[in-house]
Amino acid sequence: MTDEIFYLSTTEIARSIRAKEISPVEIVQAHLGRITAVNHKLNAVVTMTDDALDRAREAETAVTSGEVLGPLHGVPFTAKDTFDTAGVRTTIGSLLYKDNVPAVDSTIVNRLKQAGAILVGKTNVPEFALDGQTNNRVFGRTNNPWNLEHTTSGSSGGAAAALATGMTPFEIGSDVGGSIRIPASYCNVVGFKPTHGRVPLTGHNPAAIQRYMHTGPMSRTVRDNALILNIIAGADGYDPFASNIPVPDMFDLDLPLPKLRIGFSPEDGYAPVAQEVQAIVAKAAGVLGEQGCTVEEVKLPWLKKHDYMIEGLEIMLVEAVHYAGPIVKGRESELAENMNRVLGWELPDFDRYLTFEHNHVNQLRHDAASFFRDYDVLIGPTSPMPPPRHVEKD
């Protein structure tokens, strides 16, 4: 099936359009047809745009008339339903926003459109992107394309499922505690969580946990990820967390691989790792060893010391509830069960929370920095297990 037009990579599509080997109308029609053919089984794409073919015809006219083309000219894409999209509803997976239609695009969506890309739809998320599986009361559950009875994880679960099945050549996701990386792992696609501040958060929802939120590309190839990151990275003058550090050319992947010092951990410091997952990670580390890198198996006692999953969840809980509380007050019946549960959790005392964050988060950063004095790269499992079955809500 990799010969099908809807499985072409973003890079291949962009090159073929510039070479006039394929038309923007043809590629957009192919992806719209693919969505129609398979989305009813997956529920990955939840809102369609109504002007994708019009934009494709305009893109085709630009090609034939010899206009200067952007790096993504005529390439279709979908966006996670947490990014504002002008004239296209953005629900954040919540009944509270089921009719929300933003007036302007998020920075990332705007940059992709300026590069010539064509938005064809929005992909499913858990409510407020605050759950480990993709399910909500607006659109329902997204299924894993490799086994419909299993989860895609969250919160970029719709994005990963759409990519894996050829409904879109690339996506944009967001990640605090694994929301790009785990769905990408579960659906066998490429997800990248850039350094905080590398990609602006302007127009991304919910407007909480900004100090820890990351936005980044998802695709089926590393080369496509690099291409998209080149386009969306860089300060926008609105996001106070976005870095003004110049953006290097991340698309030049043909440079010789440096002789990296790689620490390989078959464990993740959180839970026992399934043997099949350990084997896959070890194989990846071995490939880098064959390329001349130094690969050493390492222990990570500093991760176990911090119990970082519990600490991270506590920080997310405080910030998310303080954000969501005023929004849902008096309208709790409109919320999905996972948000009722979140809002019902006992909040830590705020002073204790600040002390906790200062002591534990800063120490974790210190320990991580110490590790990278000796190693350039840490390789480990994204998830300790393969995709589990769906967890039904009570």
Protein backbone atom coordinates (compact mmCIF):
# COMPACT_ATOMS: atom_id res chain seq x y z
CA MET A 1 0.00 0.00 0.00
CA THR A 2 3.02 2.29 0.27
CA ASP A 3 2.74 2.90 -3.49
CA GLU A 4 -0.63 4.60 -2.97
CA ILE A 5 -0.66 8.35 -3.43
CA PHE A 6 -1.94 8.96 0.09
CA TYR A 7 1.13 7.24 1.57
CA LEU A 8 3.60 9.56 -0.13
CA SER A 9 5.68 11.52 2.36
CA THR A 10 5.32 15.27 2.79
CA THR A 11 8.73 15.77 1.20
CA GLU A 12 7.82 13.60 -1.79
CA ILE A 13 4.50 15.38 -2.30
CA ALA A 14 6.08 18.85 -2.18
CA ARG A 15 8.83 17.83 -4.64
CA SER A 16 6.36 16.16 -7.02
CA ILE A 17 4.11 19.23 -7.07
CA ARG A 18 7.03 21.54 -7.85
CA ALA A 19 8.15 19.15 -10.62
CA LYS A 20 4.58 19.09 -12.01
CA GLU A 21 4.50 15.31 -11.62
CA ILE A 22 1.36 15.53 -9.50
CA SER A 23 -1.21 18.28 -9.05
CA PRO A 24 -2.37 19.79 -5.75
CA VAL A 25 -5.95 18.94 -6.71
CA GLU A 26 -5.03 15.30 -7.24
CA ILE A 27 -3.20 14.99 -3.92
CA VAL A 28 -5.92 16.76 -1.92
CA GLN A 29 -8.65 14.65 -3.55
CA ALA A 30 -6.69 11.50 -2.72
CA HIS A 31 -6.48 12.39 0.96
CA LEU A 32 -10.11 13.45 1.15
CA GLY A 33 -11.03 10.11 -0.41
CA ARG A 34 -8.84 8.26 2.06
CA ILE A 35 -10.57 10.01 4.98
CA THR A 36 -13.94 8.97 3.58
CA ALA A 37 -12.76 5.38 3.13
CA VAL A 38 -11.24 4.65 6.54
CA ASN A 39 -12.12 7.33 9.09
CA HIS A 40 -15.45 5.72 10.03
CA LYS A 41 -13.49 2.88 11.62
CA LEU A 42 -10.99 5.07 13.47
CA ASN A 43 -12.76 8.36 14.28
CA ALA A 44 -9.46 10.19 13.93
CA VAL A 45 -10.54 13.19 11.81
CA VAL A 46 -13.46 14.90 13.52
CA THR A 47 -14.00 18.14 11.58
CA MET A 48 -13.46 18.76 7.86
CA THR A 49 -12.72 22.08 6.22
CA ASP A 50 -15.05 23.16 3.42
CA ASP A 51 -12.51 24.93 1.21
CA ALA A 52 -9.69 22.40 0.76
CA LEU A 53 -10.45 21.74 -2.91
CA ASP A 54 -10.77 25.46 -3.62
CA ARG A 55 -7.34 26.02 -2.05
CA ALA A 56 -5.98 23.10 -4.09
CA ARG A 57 -7.26 24.61 -7.34
CA GLU A 58 -5.64 27.92 -6.44
CA ALA A 59 -2.40 26.08 -5.69
CA GLU A 60 -2.58 24.30 -9.06
CA THR A 61 -3.05 27.60 -10.88
CA ALA A 62 0.03 28.98 -9.11
CA VAL A 63 2.09 26.00 -10.29
CA THR A 64 1.01 26.24 -13.90
CA SER A 65 1.53 30.01 -14.01
CA GLY A 66 5.08 29.76 -12.72
CA GLU A 67 4.61 31.58 -9.42
CA VAL A 68 7.16 31.25 -6.62
CA LEU A 69 6.07 28.29 -4.51
CA GLY A 70 6.41 27.78 -0.76
CA PRO A 71 8.13 24.67 0.66
CA LEU A 72 4.74 23.01 1.32
CA HIS A 73 2.88 24.30 -1.71
CA GLY A 74 -0.27 22.23 -2.28
CA VAL A 75 0.47 19.71 0.50
CA PRO A 76 -2.62 18.78 2.57
CA PHE A 77 -2.45 18.46 6.35
CA THR A 78 -4.61 18.02 9.42
CA ALA A 79 -4.28 19.81 12.76
CA LYS A 80 -4.91 18.58 16.27
CA ASP A 81 -8.21 19.98 17.57
CA THR A 82 -6.37 22.07 20.15
CA PHE A 83 -5.00 24.56 17.58
CA ASP A 84 -7.08 27.58 16.62
CA THR A 85 -8.10 27.47 12.96
CA ALA A 86 -9.78 30.49 11.39
CA GLY A 87 -13.34 29.69 10.35
CA VAL A 88 -13.02 26.05 11.39
CA ARG A 89 -14.32 24.95 14.77
CA THR A 90 -11.85 24.13 17.51
CA THR A 91 -13.50 22.16 20.31
CA ILE A 92 -10.54 21.03 22.46
CA GLY A 93 -12.66 17.88 22.83
CA SER A 94 -15.09 19.66 25.17
CA LEU A 95 -18.83 20.25 25.03
CA LEU A 96 -18.05 23.70 26.39
CA TYR A 97 -16.35 24.51 23.06
CA LYS A 98 -18.34 22.32 20.67
CA ASP A 99 -19.46 25.40 18.66
CA ASN A 100 -16.27 27.44 19.04
CA VAL A 101 -15.05 28.88 15.72
CA PRO A 102 -11.87 30.95 16.07
CA ALA A 103 -11.46 34.13 14.04
CA VAL A 104 -7.73 33.70 13.46
CA ASP A 105 -5.27 30.85 13.03
CA SER A 106 -2.76 29.77 15.63
CA THR A 107 0.80 30.78 14.80
CA ILE A 108 1.70 27.26 13.69
CA VAL A 109 -1.30 26.86 11.39
CA ASN A 110 -0.69 30.30 9.91
CA ARG A 111 2.96 29.49 9.20
CA LEU A 112 2.04 26.22 7.51
CA LYS A 113 -0.54 27.96 5.33
CA GLN A 114 1.99 30.68 4.46
CA ALA A 115 4.31 27.87 3.34
CA GLY A 116 1.57 26.68 0.98
CA ALA A 117 0.03 23.82 2.96
CA ILE A 118 -3.73 23.18 2.75
CA LEU A 119 -5.72 22.38 5.90
CA VAL A 120 -8.21 19.57 5.26
CA GLY A 121 -9.40 18.74 8.79
CA LYS A 122 -8.99 18.62 12.57
CA THR A 123 -8.10 15.49 14.57
CA ASN A 124 -9.55 14.11 17.78
CA VAL A 125 -8.29 14.76 21.32
CA PRO A 126 -9.39 13.97 24.88
CA GLU A 127 -11.21 16.78 26.64
CA PHE A 128 -8.88 19.74 27.18
CA ALA A 129 -6.10 17.34 26.08
CA LEU A 130 -5.95 16.13 29.68
CA ASP A 131 -6.26 12.36 29.41
CA GLY A 132 -4.10 9.41 28.44
CA GLN A 133 -6.53 8.11 25.83
CA THR A 134 -8.36 9.92 23.04
CA ASN A 135 -12.05 9.97 23.93
CA ASN A 136 -14.56 12.75 24.57
CA ARG A 137 -18.28 13.47 24.64
CA VAL A 138 -18.21 15.65 21.53
CA PHE A 139 -16.85 13.10 19.05
CA GLY A 140 -16.31 9.85 20.94
CA ARG A 141 -13.34 7.48 20.90
CA THR A 142 -10.44 7.20 18.47
CA ASN A 143 -9.29 3.64 17.71
CA ASN A 144 -5.78 2.39 17.05
CA PRO A 145 -5.43 1.54 13.34
CA TRP A 146 -3.35 -1.55 14.09
CA ASN A 147 -6.02 -2.98 16.37
CA LEU A 148 -9.33 -1.17 16.78
CA GLU A 149 -9.82 -2.54 20.30
CA HIS A 150 -6.67 -0.79 21.50
CA THR A 151 -5.96 2.84 22.34
CA THR A 152 -3.93 5.42 20.44
CA SER A 153 -3.15 7.03 23.82
CA GLY A 154 -3.53 10.80 24.09
CA SER A 155 -3.68 13.55 23.61
CA SER A 156 -2.55 13.61 19.95
CA GLY A 157 -4.28 10.28 19.38
CA GLY A 158 -6.39 11.36 16.42
CA ALA A 159 -3.32 12.84 14.75
CA ALA A 160 -1.29 9.64 15.07
CA ALA A 161 -4.13 7.43 13.78
CA ALA A 162 -4.72 9.72 10.80
CA LEU A 163 -1.03 9.65 9.91
CA ALA A 164 -0.70 5.89 10.20
CA THR A 165 -3.57 5.30 7.77
CA GLY A 166 -2.67 7.84 5.10
CA MET A 167 -5.41 10.34 5.88
CA THR A 168 -2.80 13.09 6.15
CA PRO A 169 0.90 13.32 5.25
CA PHE A 170 1.74 15.38 8.33
CA GLU A 171 0.22 16.74 11.53
CA ILE A 172 0.97 19.19 14.29
CA GLY A 173 0.68 18.00 17.87
CA SER A 174 1.32 19.18 21.41
CA ASP A 175 3.00 17.51 24.35
CA VAL A 176 3.48 17.98 28.08
CA GLY A 177 3.83 14.43 29.42
CA GLY A 178 3.96 12.37 26.23
CA SER A 179 1.03 13.64 24.17
CA ILE A 180 3.00 13.63 20.90
CA ARG A 181 5.45 10.85 21.67
CA ILE A 182 3.20 8.12 23.06
CA PRO A 183 0.50 8.27 20.32
CA ALA A 184 3.29 8.32 17.72
CA SER A 185 4.83 5.24 19.33
CA TYR A 186 1.50 3.42 19.61
CA CYS A 187 0.63 4.10 15.95
CA ASN A 188 4.13 3.59 14.48
CA VAL A 189 4.68 7.13 13.19
CA VAL A 190 7.27 9.82 13.96
CA GLY A 191 6.50 12.35 16.68
CA PHE A 192 8.88 15.04 17.91
CA LYS A 193 8.66 17.14 21.06
CA PRO A 194 10.94 20.16 20.42
CA THR A 195 12.78 22.04 23.12
CA HIS A 196 10.43 24.27 25.10
CA GLY A 197 10.17 27.67 23.42
CA ARG A 198 11.43 26.49 20.06
CA VAL A 199 7.88 26.53 18.58
CA PRO A 200 5.35 29.22 19.63
CA LEU A 201 2.26 28.26 21.64
CA THR A 202 0.15 31.18 20.37
CA GLY A 203 -3.32 29.94 19.52
CA HIS A 204 -2.89 26.56 21.18
CA ASN A 205 -5.47 25.39 23.73
CA PRO A 206 -5.88 25.01 26.63
CA ALA A 207 -4.00 28.08 27.77
CA ALA A 208 -2.59 26.23 30.77
CA ILE A 209 0.66 24.52 31.71
CA GLN A 210 2.42 26.94 29.35
CA ARG A 211 5.73 26.56 31.15
CA TYR A 212 5.74 22.87 30.25
CA MET A 213 3.75 22.78 26.99
CA HIS A 214 5.51 21.93 23.72
CA THR A 215 4.15 21.97 20.18
CA GLY A 216 5.76 20.05 17.36
CA PRO A 217 5.51 18.04 14.14
CA MET A 218 4.19 14.54 13.52
CA SER A 219 4.70 12.62 10.27
CA ARG A 220 5.69 9.22 8.88
CA THR A 221 9.37 10.05 8.31
CA VAL A 222 12.15 11.84 10.18
CA ARG A 223 12.88 13.94 7.10
CA ASP A 224 9.30 15.22 7.06
CA ASN A 225 9.53 16.09 10.76
CA ALA A 226 12.64 18.16 10.08
CA LEU A 227 10.97 19.95 7.16
CA ILE A 228 7.91 20.88 9.21
CA LEU A 229 9.97 21.95 12.22
CA ASN A 230 11.99 24.31 10.04
CA ILE A 231 8.75 26.05 9.07
CA ILE A 232 7.00 26.29 12.43
CA ALA A 233 9.97 27.09 14.70
CA GLY A 234 11.00 30.55 15.84
CA ALA A 235 9.57 33.32 18.02
CA ASP A 236 6.40 35.03 16.83
CA GLY A 237 6.39 38.15 19.02
CA TYR A 238 3.33 36.99 20.98
CA ASP A 239 4.29 33.90 22.96
CA PRO A 240 6.41 35.04 25.93
CA PHE A 241 7.94 31.57 26.22
CA ALA A 242 9.10 31.42 22.59
CA SER A 243 12.86 31.73 22.26
CA ASN A 244 14.51 34.40 20.09
CA ILE A 245 17.48 32.11 19.45
CA PRO A 246 17.98 31.84 15.66
CA VAL A 247 16.53 28.70 14.10
CA PRO A 248 19.18 26.52 12.43
CA ASP A 249 18.51 24.59 9.21
CA MET A 250 17.18 21.35 10.68
CA PHE A 251 16.32 19.91 7.27
CA ASP A 252 19.91 19.21 6.24
CA LEU A 253 19.91 15.54 7.22
CA ASP A 254 22.60 14.41 4.80
CA LEU A 255 25.48 15.59 6.97
CA PRO A 256 27.73 12.83 8.35
CA LEU A 257 26.51 11.46 11.68
CA PRO A 258 28.73 12.73 14.51
CA LYS A 259 30.44 10.14 16.70
CA LEU A 260 27.91 10.53 19.47
CA ARG A 261 28.20 9.22 23.02
CA ILE A 262 24.92 7.43 23.57
CA GLY A 263 23.50 6.19 26.84
CA PHE A 264 21.03 3.36 26.26
CA SER A 265 18.57 2.49 29.02
CA PRO A 266 16.20 -0.47 28.51
CA GLU A 267 14.19 0.86 31.47
CA ASP A 268 12.25 4.10 31.78
CA GLY A 269 12.43 4.75 35.51
CA TYR A 270 8.65 4.59 35.85
CA ALA A 271 7.37 1.06 35.34
CA PRO A 272 8.67 -2.39 34.28
CA VAL A 273 9.29 -2.36 30.53
CA ALA A 274 7.88 -5.18 28.39
CA GLN A 275 10.55 -7.39 26.85
CA GLU A 276 9.36 -6.70 23.30
CA VAL A 277 9.70 -2.96 23.92
CA GLN A 278 13.20 -3.42 25.35
CA ALA A 279 14.17 -5.43 22.27
CA ILE A 280 12.98 -2.73 19.87
CA VAL A 281 14.83 0.01 21.75
CA ALA A 282 17.99 -2.10 21.89
CA LYS A 283 17.80 -2.67 18.15
CA ALA A 284 17.57 1.07 17.52
CA ALA A 285 20.58 1.70 19.75
CA GLY A 286 22.48 -1.02 17.91
CA VAL A 287 21.90 0.68 14.56
CA LEU A 288 23.55 3.84 15.87
CA GLY A 289 26.43 1.73 17.17
CA GLU A 290 26.90 0.34 13.67
CA GLN A 291 27.17 3.94 12.43
CA GLY A 292 30.19 4.59 14.62
CA CYS A 293 28.55 5.97 17.75
CA THR A 294 29.59 4.81 21.20
CA VAL A 295 26.63 3.07 22.82
CA GLU A 296 26.67 2.12 26.51
CA GLU A 297 23.88 0.62 28.58
CA VAL A 298 23.23 2.92 31.54
CA LYS A 299 21.22 2.97 34.74
CA LEU A 300 19.09 5.97 35.60
CA PRO A 301 18.74 6.02 39.38
CA TRP A 302 17.99 9.76 39.30
CA LEU A 303 14.73 9.07 37.49
CA LYS A 304 13.62 6.49 40.04
CA LYS A 305 14.63 8.85 42.84
CA HIS A 306 12.25 11.53 41.64
CA ASP A 307 9.21 9.39 40.81
CA TYR A 308 8.84 11.93 38.04
CA MET A 309 5.50 10.67 36.75
CA ILE A 310 3.80 11.46 40.08
CA GLU A 311 5.57 14.80 40.36
CA GLY A 312 4.68 15.76 36.80
CA LEU A 313 1.05 14.80 37.24
CA GLU A 314 0.80 16.88 40.41
CA ILE A 315 2.14 19.96 38.63
CA MET A 316 -0.20 19.40 35.68
CA LEU A 317 -3.13 18.89 38.02
CA VAL A 318 -2.66 22.18 39.85
CA GLU A 319 -2.21 24.24 36.72
CA ALA A 320 -4.98 22.51 34.76
CA VAL A 321 -7.56 22.80 37.52
CA HIS A 322 -6.79 26.43 38.21
CA TYR A 323 -7.22 27.04 34.47
CA ALA A 324 -10.35 24.93 33.96
CA GLY A 325 -12.13 25.69 37.21
CA PRO A 326 -13.51 29.13 36.26
CA ILE A 327 -14.45 27.91 32.78
CA VAL A 328 -16.60 25.00 33.94
CA LYS A 329 -18.09 26.56 37.07
CA GLY A 330 -21.84 25.99 36.99
CA ARG A 331 -21.62 23.93 33.79
CA GLU A 332 -20.13 20.72 35.17
CA SER A 333 -22.86 18.59 33.58
CA GLU A 334 -21.54 19.51 30.15
CA LEU A 335 -18.13 18.04 30.89
CA ALA A 336 -16.84 14.60 30.12
CA GLU A 337 -16.24 12.28 33.05
CA ASN A 338 -12.48 12.66 32.92
CA MET A 339 -12.76 16.42 33.56
CA ASN A 340 -15.21 15.86 36.41
CA ARG A 341 -12.63 13.54 37.88
CA VAL A 342 -9.81 16.03 37.39
CA LEU A 343 -11.80 18.81 39.00
CA GLY A 344 -12.66 16.52 41.87
CA TRP A 345 -9.08 15.66 42.72
CA GLU A 346 -7.74 17.12 45.94
CA LEU A 347 -5.45 20.02 45.21
CA PRO A 348 -2.20 20.34 47.14
CA ASP A 349 -1.71 23.44 49.21
CA PHE A 350 -0.41 26.08 46.80
CA ASP A 351 2.57 27.08 48.95
CA ARG A 352 3.54 23.41 49.25
CA TYR A 353 3.13 23.07 45.49
CA LEU A 354 5.54 25.96 44.84
CA THR A 355 8.08 24.50 47.25
CA PHE A 356 7.63 21.07 45.72
CA GLU A 357 8.12 22.41 42.20
CA HIS A 358 11.19 24.40 43.17
CA ASN A 359 12.89 21.54 45.02
CA HIS A 360 11.97 18.56 42.85
CA VAL A 361 11.81 20.03 39.35
CA ASN A 362 15.04 21.96 39.71
CA GLN A 363 16.79 18.91 41.17
CA LEU A 364 15.53 16.74 38.33
CA ARG A 365 16.88 19.26 35.83
CA HIS A 366 20.20 19.29 37.65
CA ASP A 367 20.43 15.49 37.60
CA ALA A 368 19.56 15.36 33.91
CA ALA A 369 22.17 18.01 33.10
CA SER A 370 24.75 15.97 35.02
CA PHE A 371 23.92 12.92 32.90
CA PHE A 372 24.52 14.88 29.72
CA ARG A 373 28.01 15.86 30.81
CA ASP A 374 28.99 12.31 29.91
CA TYR A 375 26.55 11.53 27.09
CA ASP A 376 25.20 13.36 24.05
CA VAL A 377 22.04 11.29 23.69
CA LEU A 378 19.81 9.19 25.93
CA ILE A 379 17.88 6.38 24.23
CA GLY A 380 15.02 4.73 26.06
CA PRO A 381 11.46 3.47 25.59
CA THR A 382 8.69 5.95 24.87
CA SER A 383 6.21 3.74 26.70
CA PRO A 384 6.91 0.74 28.94
CA MET A 385 4.30 -1.31 27.08
CA PRO A 386 2.68 -1.77 23.67
CA PRO A 387 -0.71 -0.07 23.18
CA PRO A 388 -3.18 -1.38 25.78
CA ARG A 389 -6.86 -2.01 25.19
CA HIS A 390 -9.32 0.88 25.56
CA VAL A 391 -10.24 1.74 29.14
CA GLU A 392 -13.96 2.28 29.39
CA LYS A 393 -15.20 5.12 31.60
CA ASP A 394 -17.36 4.22 34.59
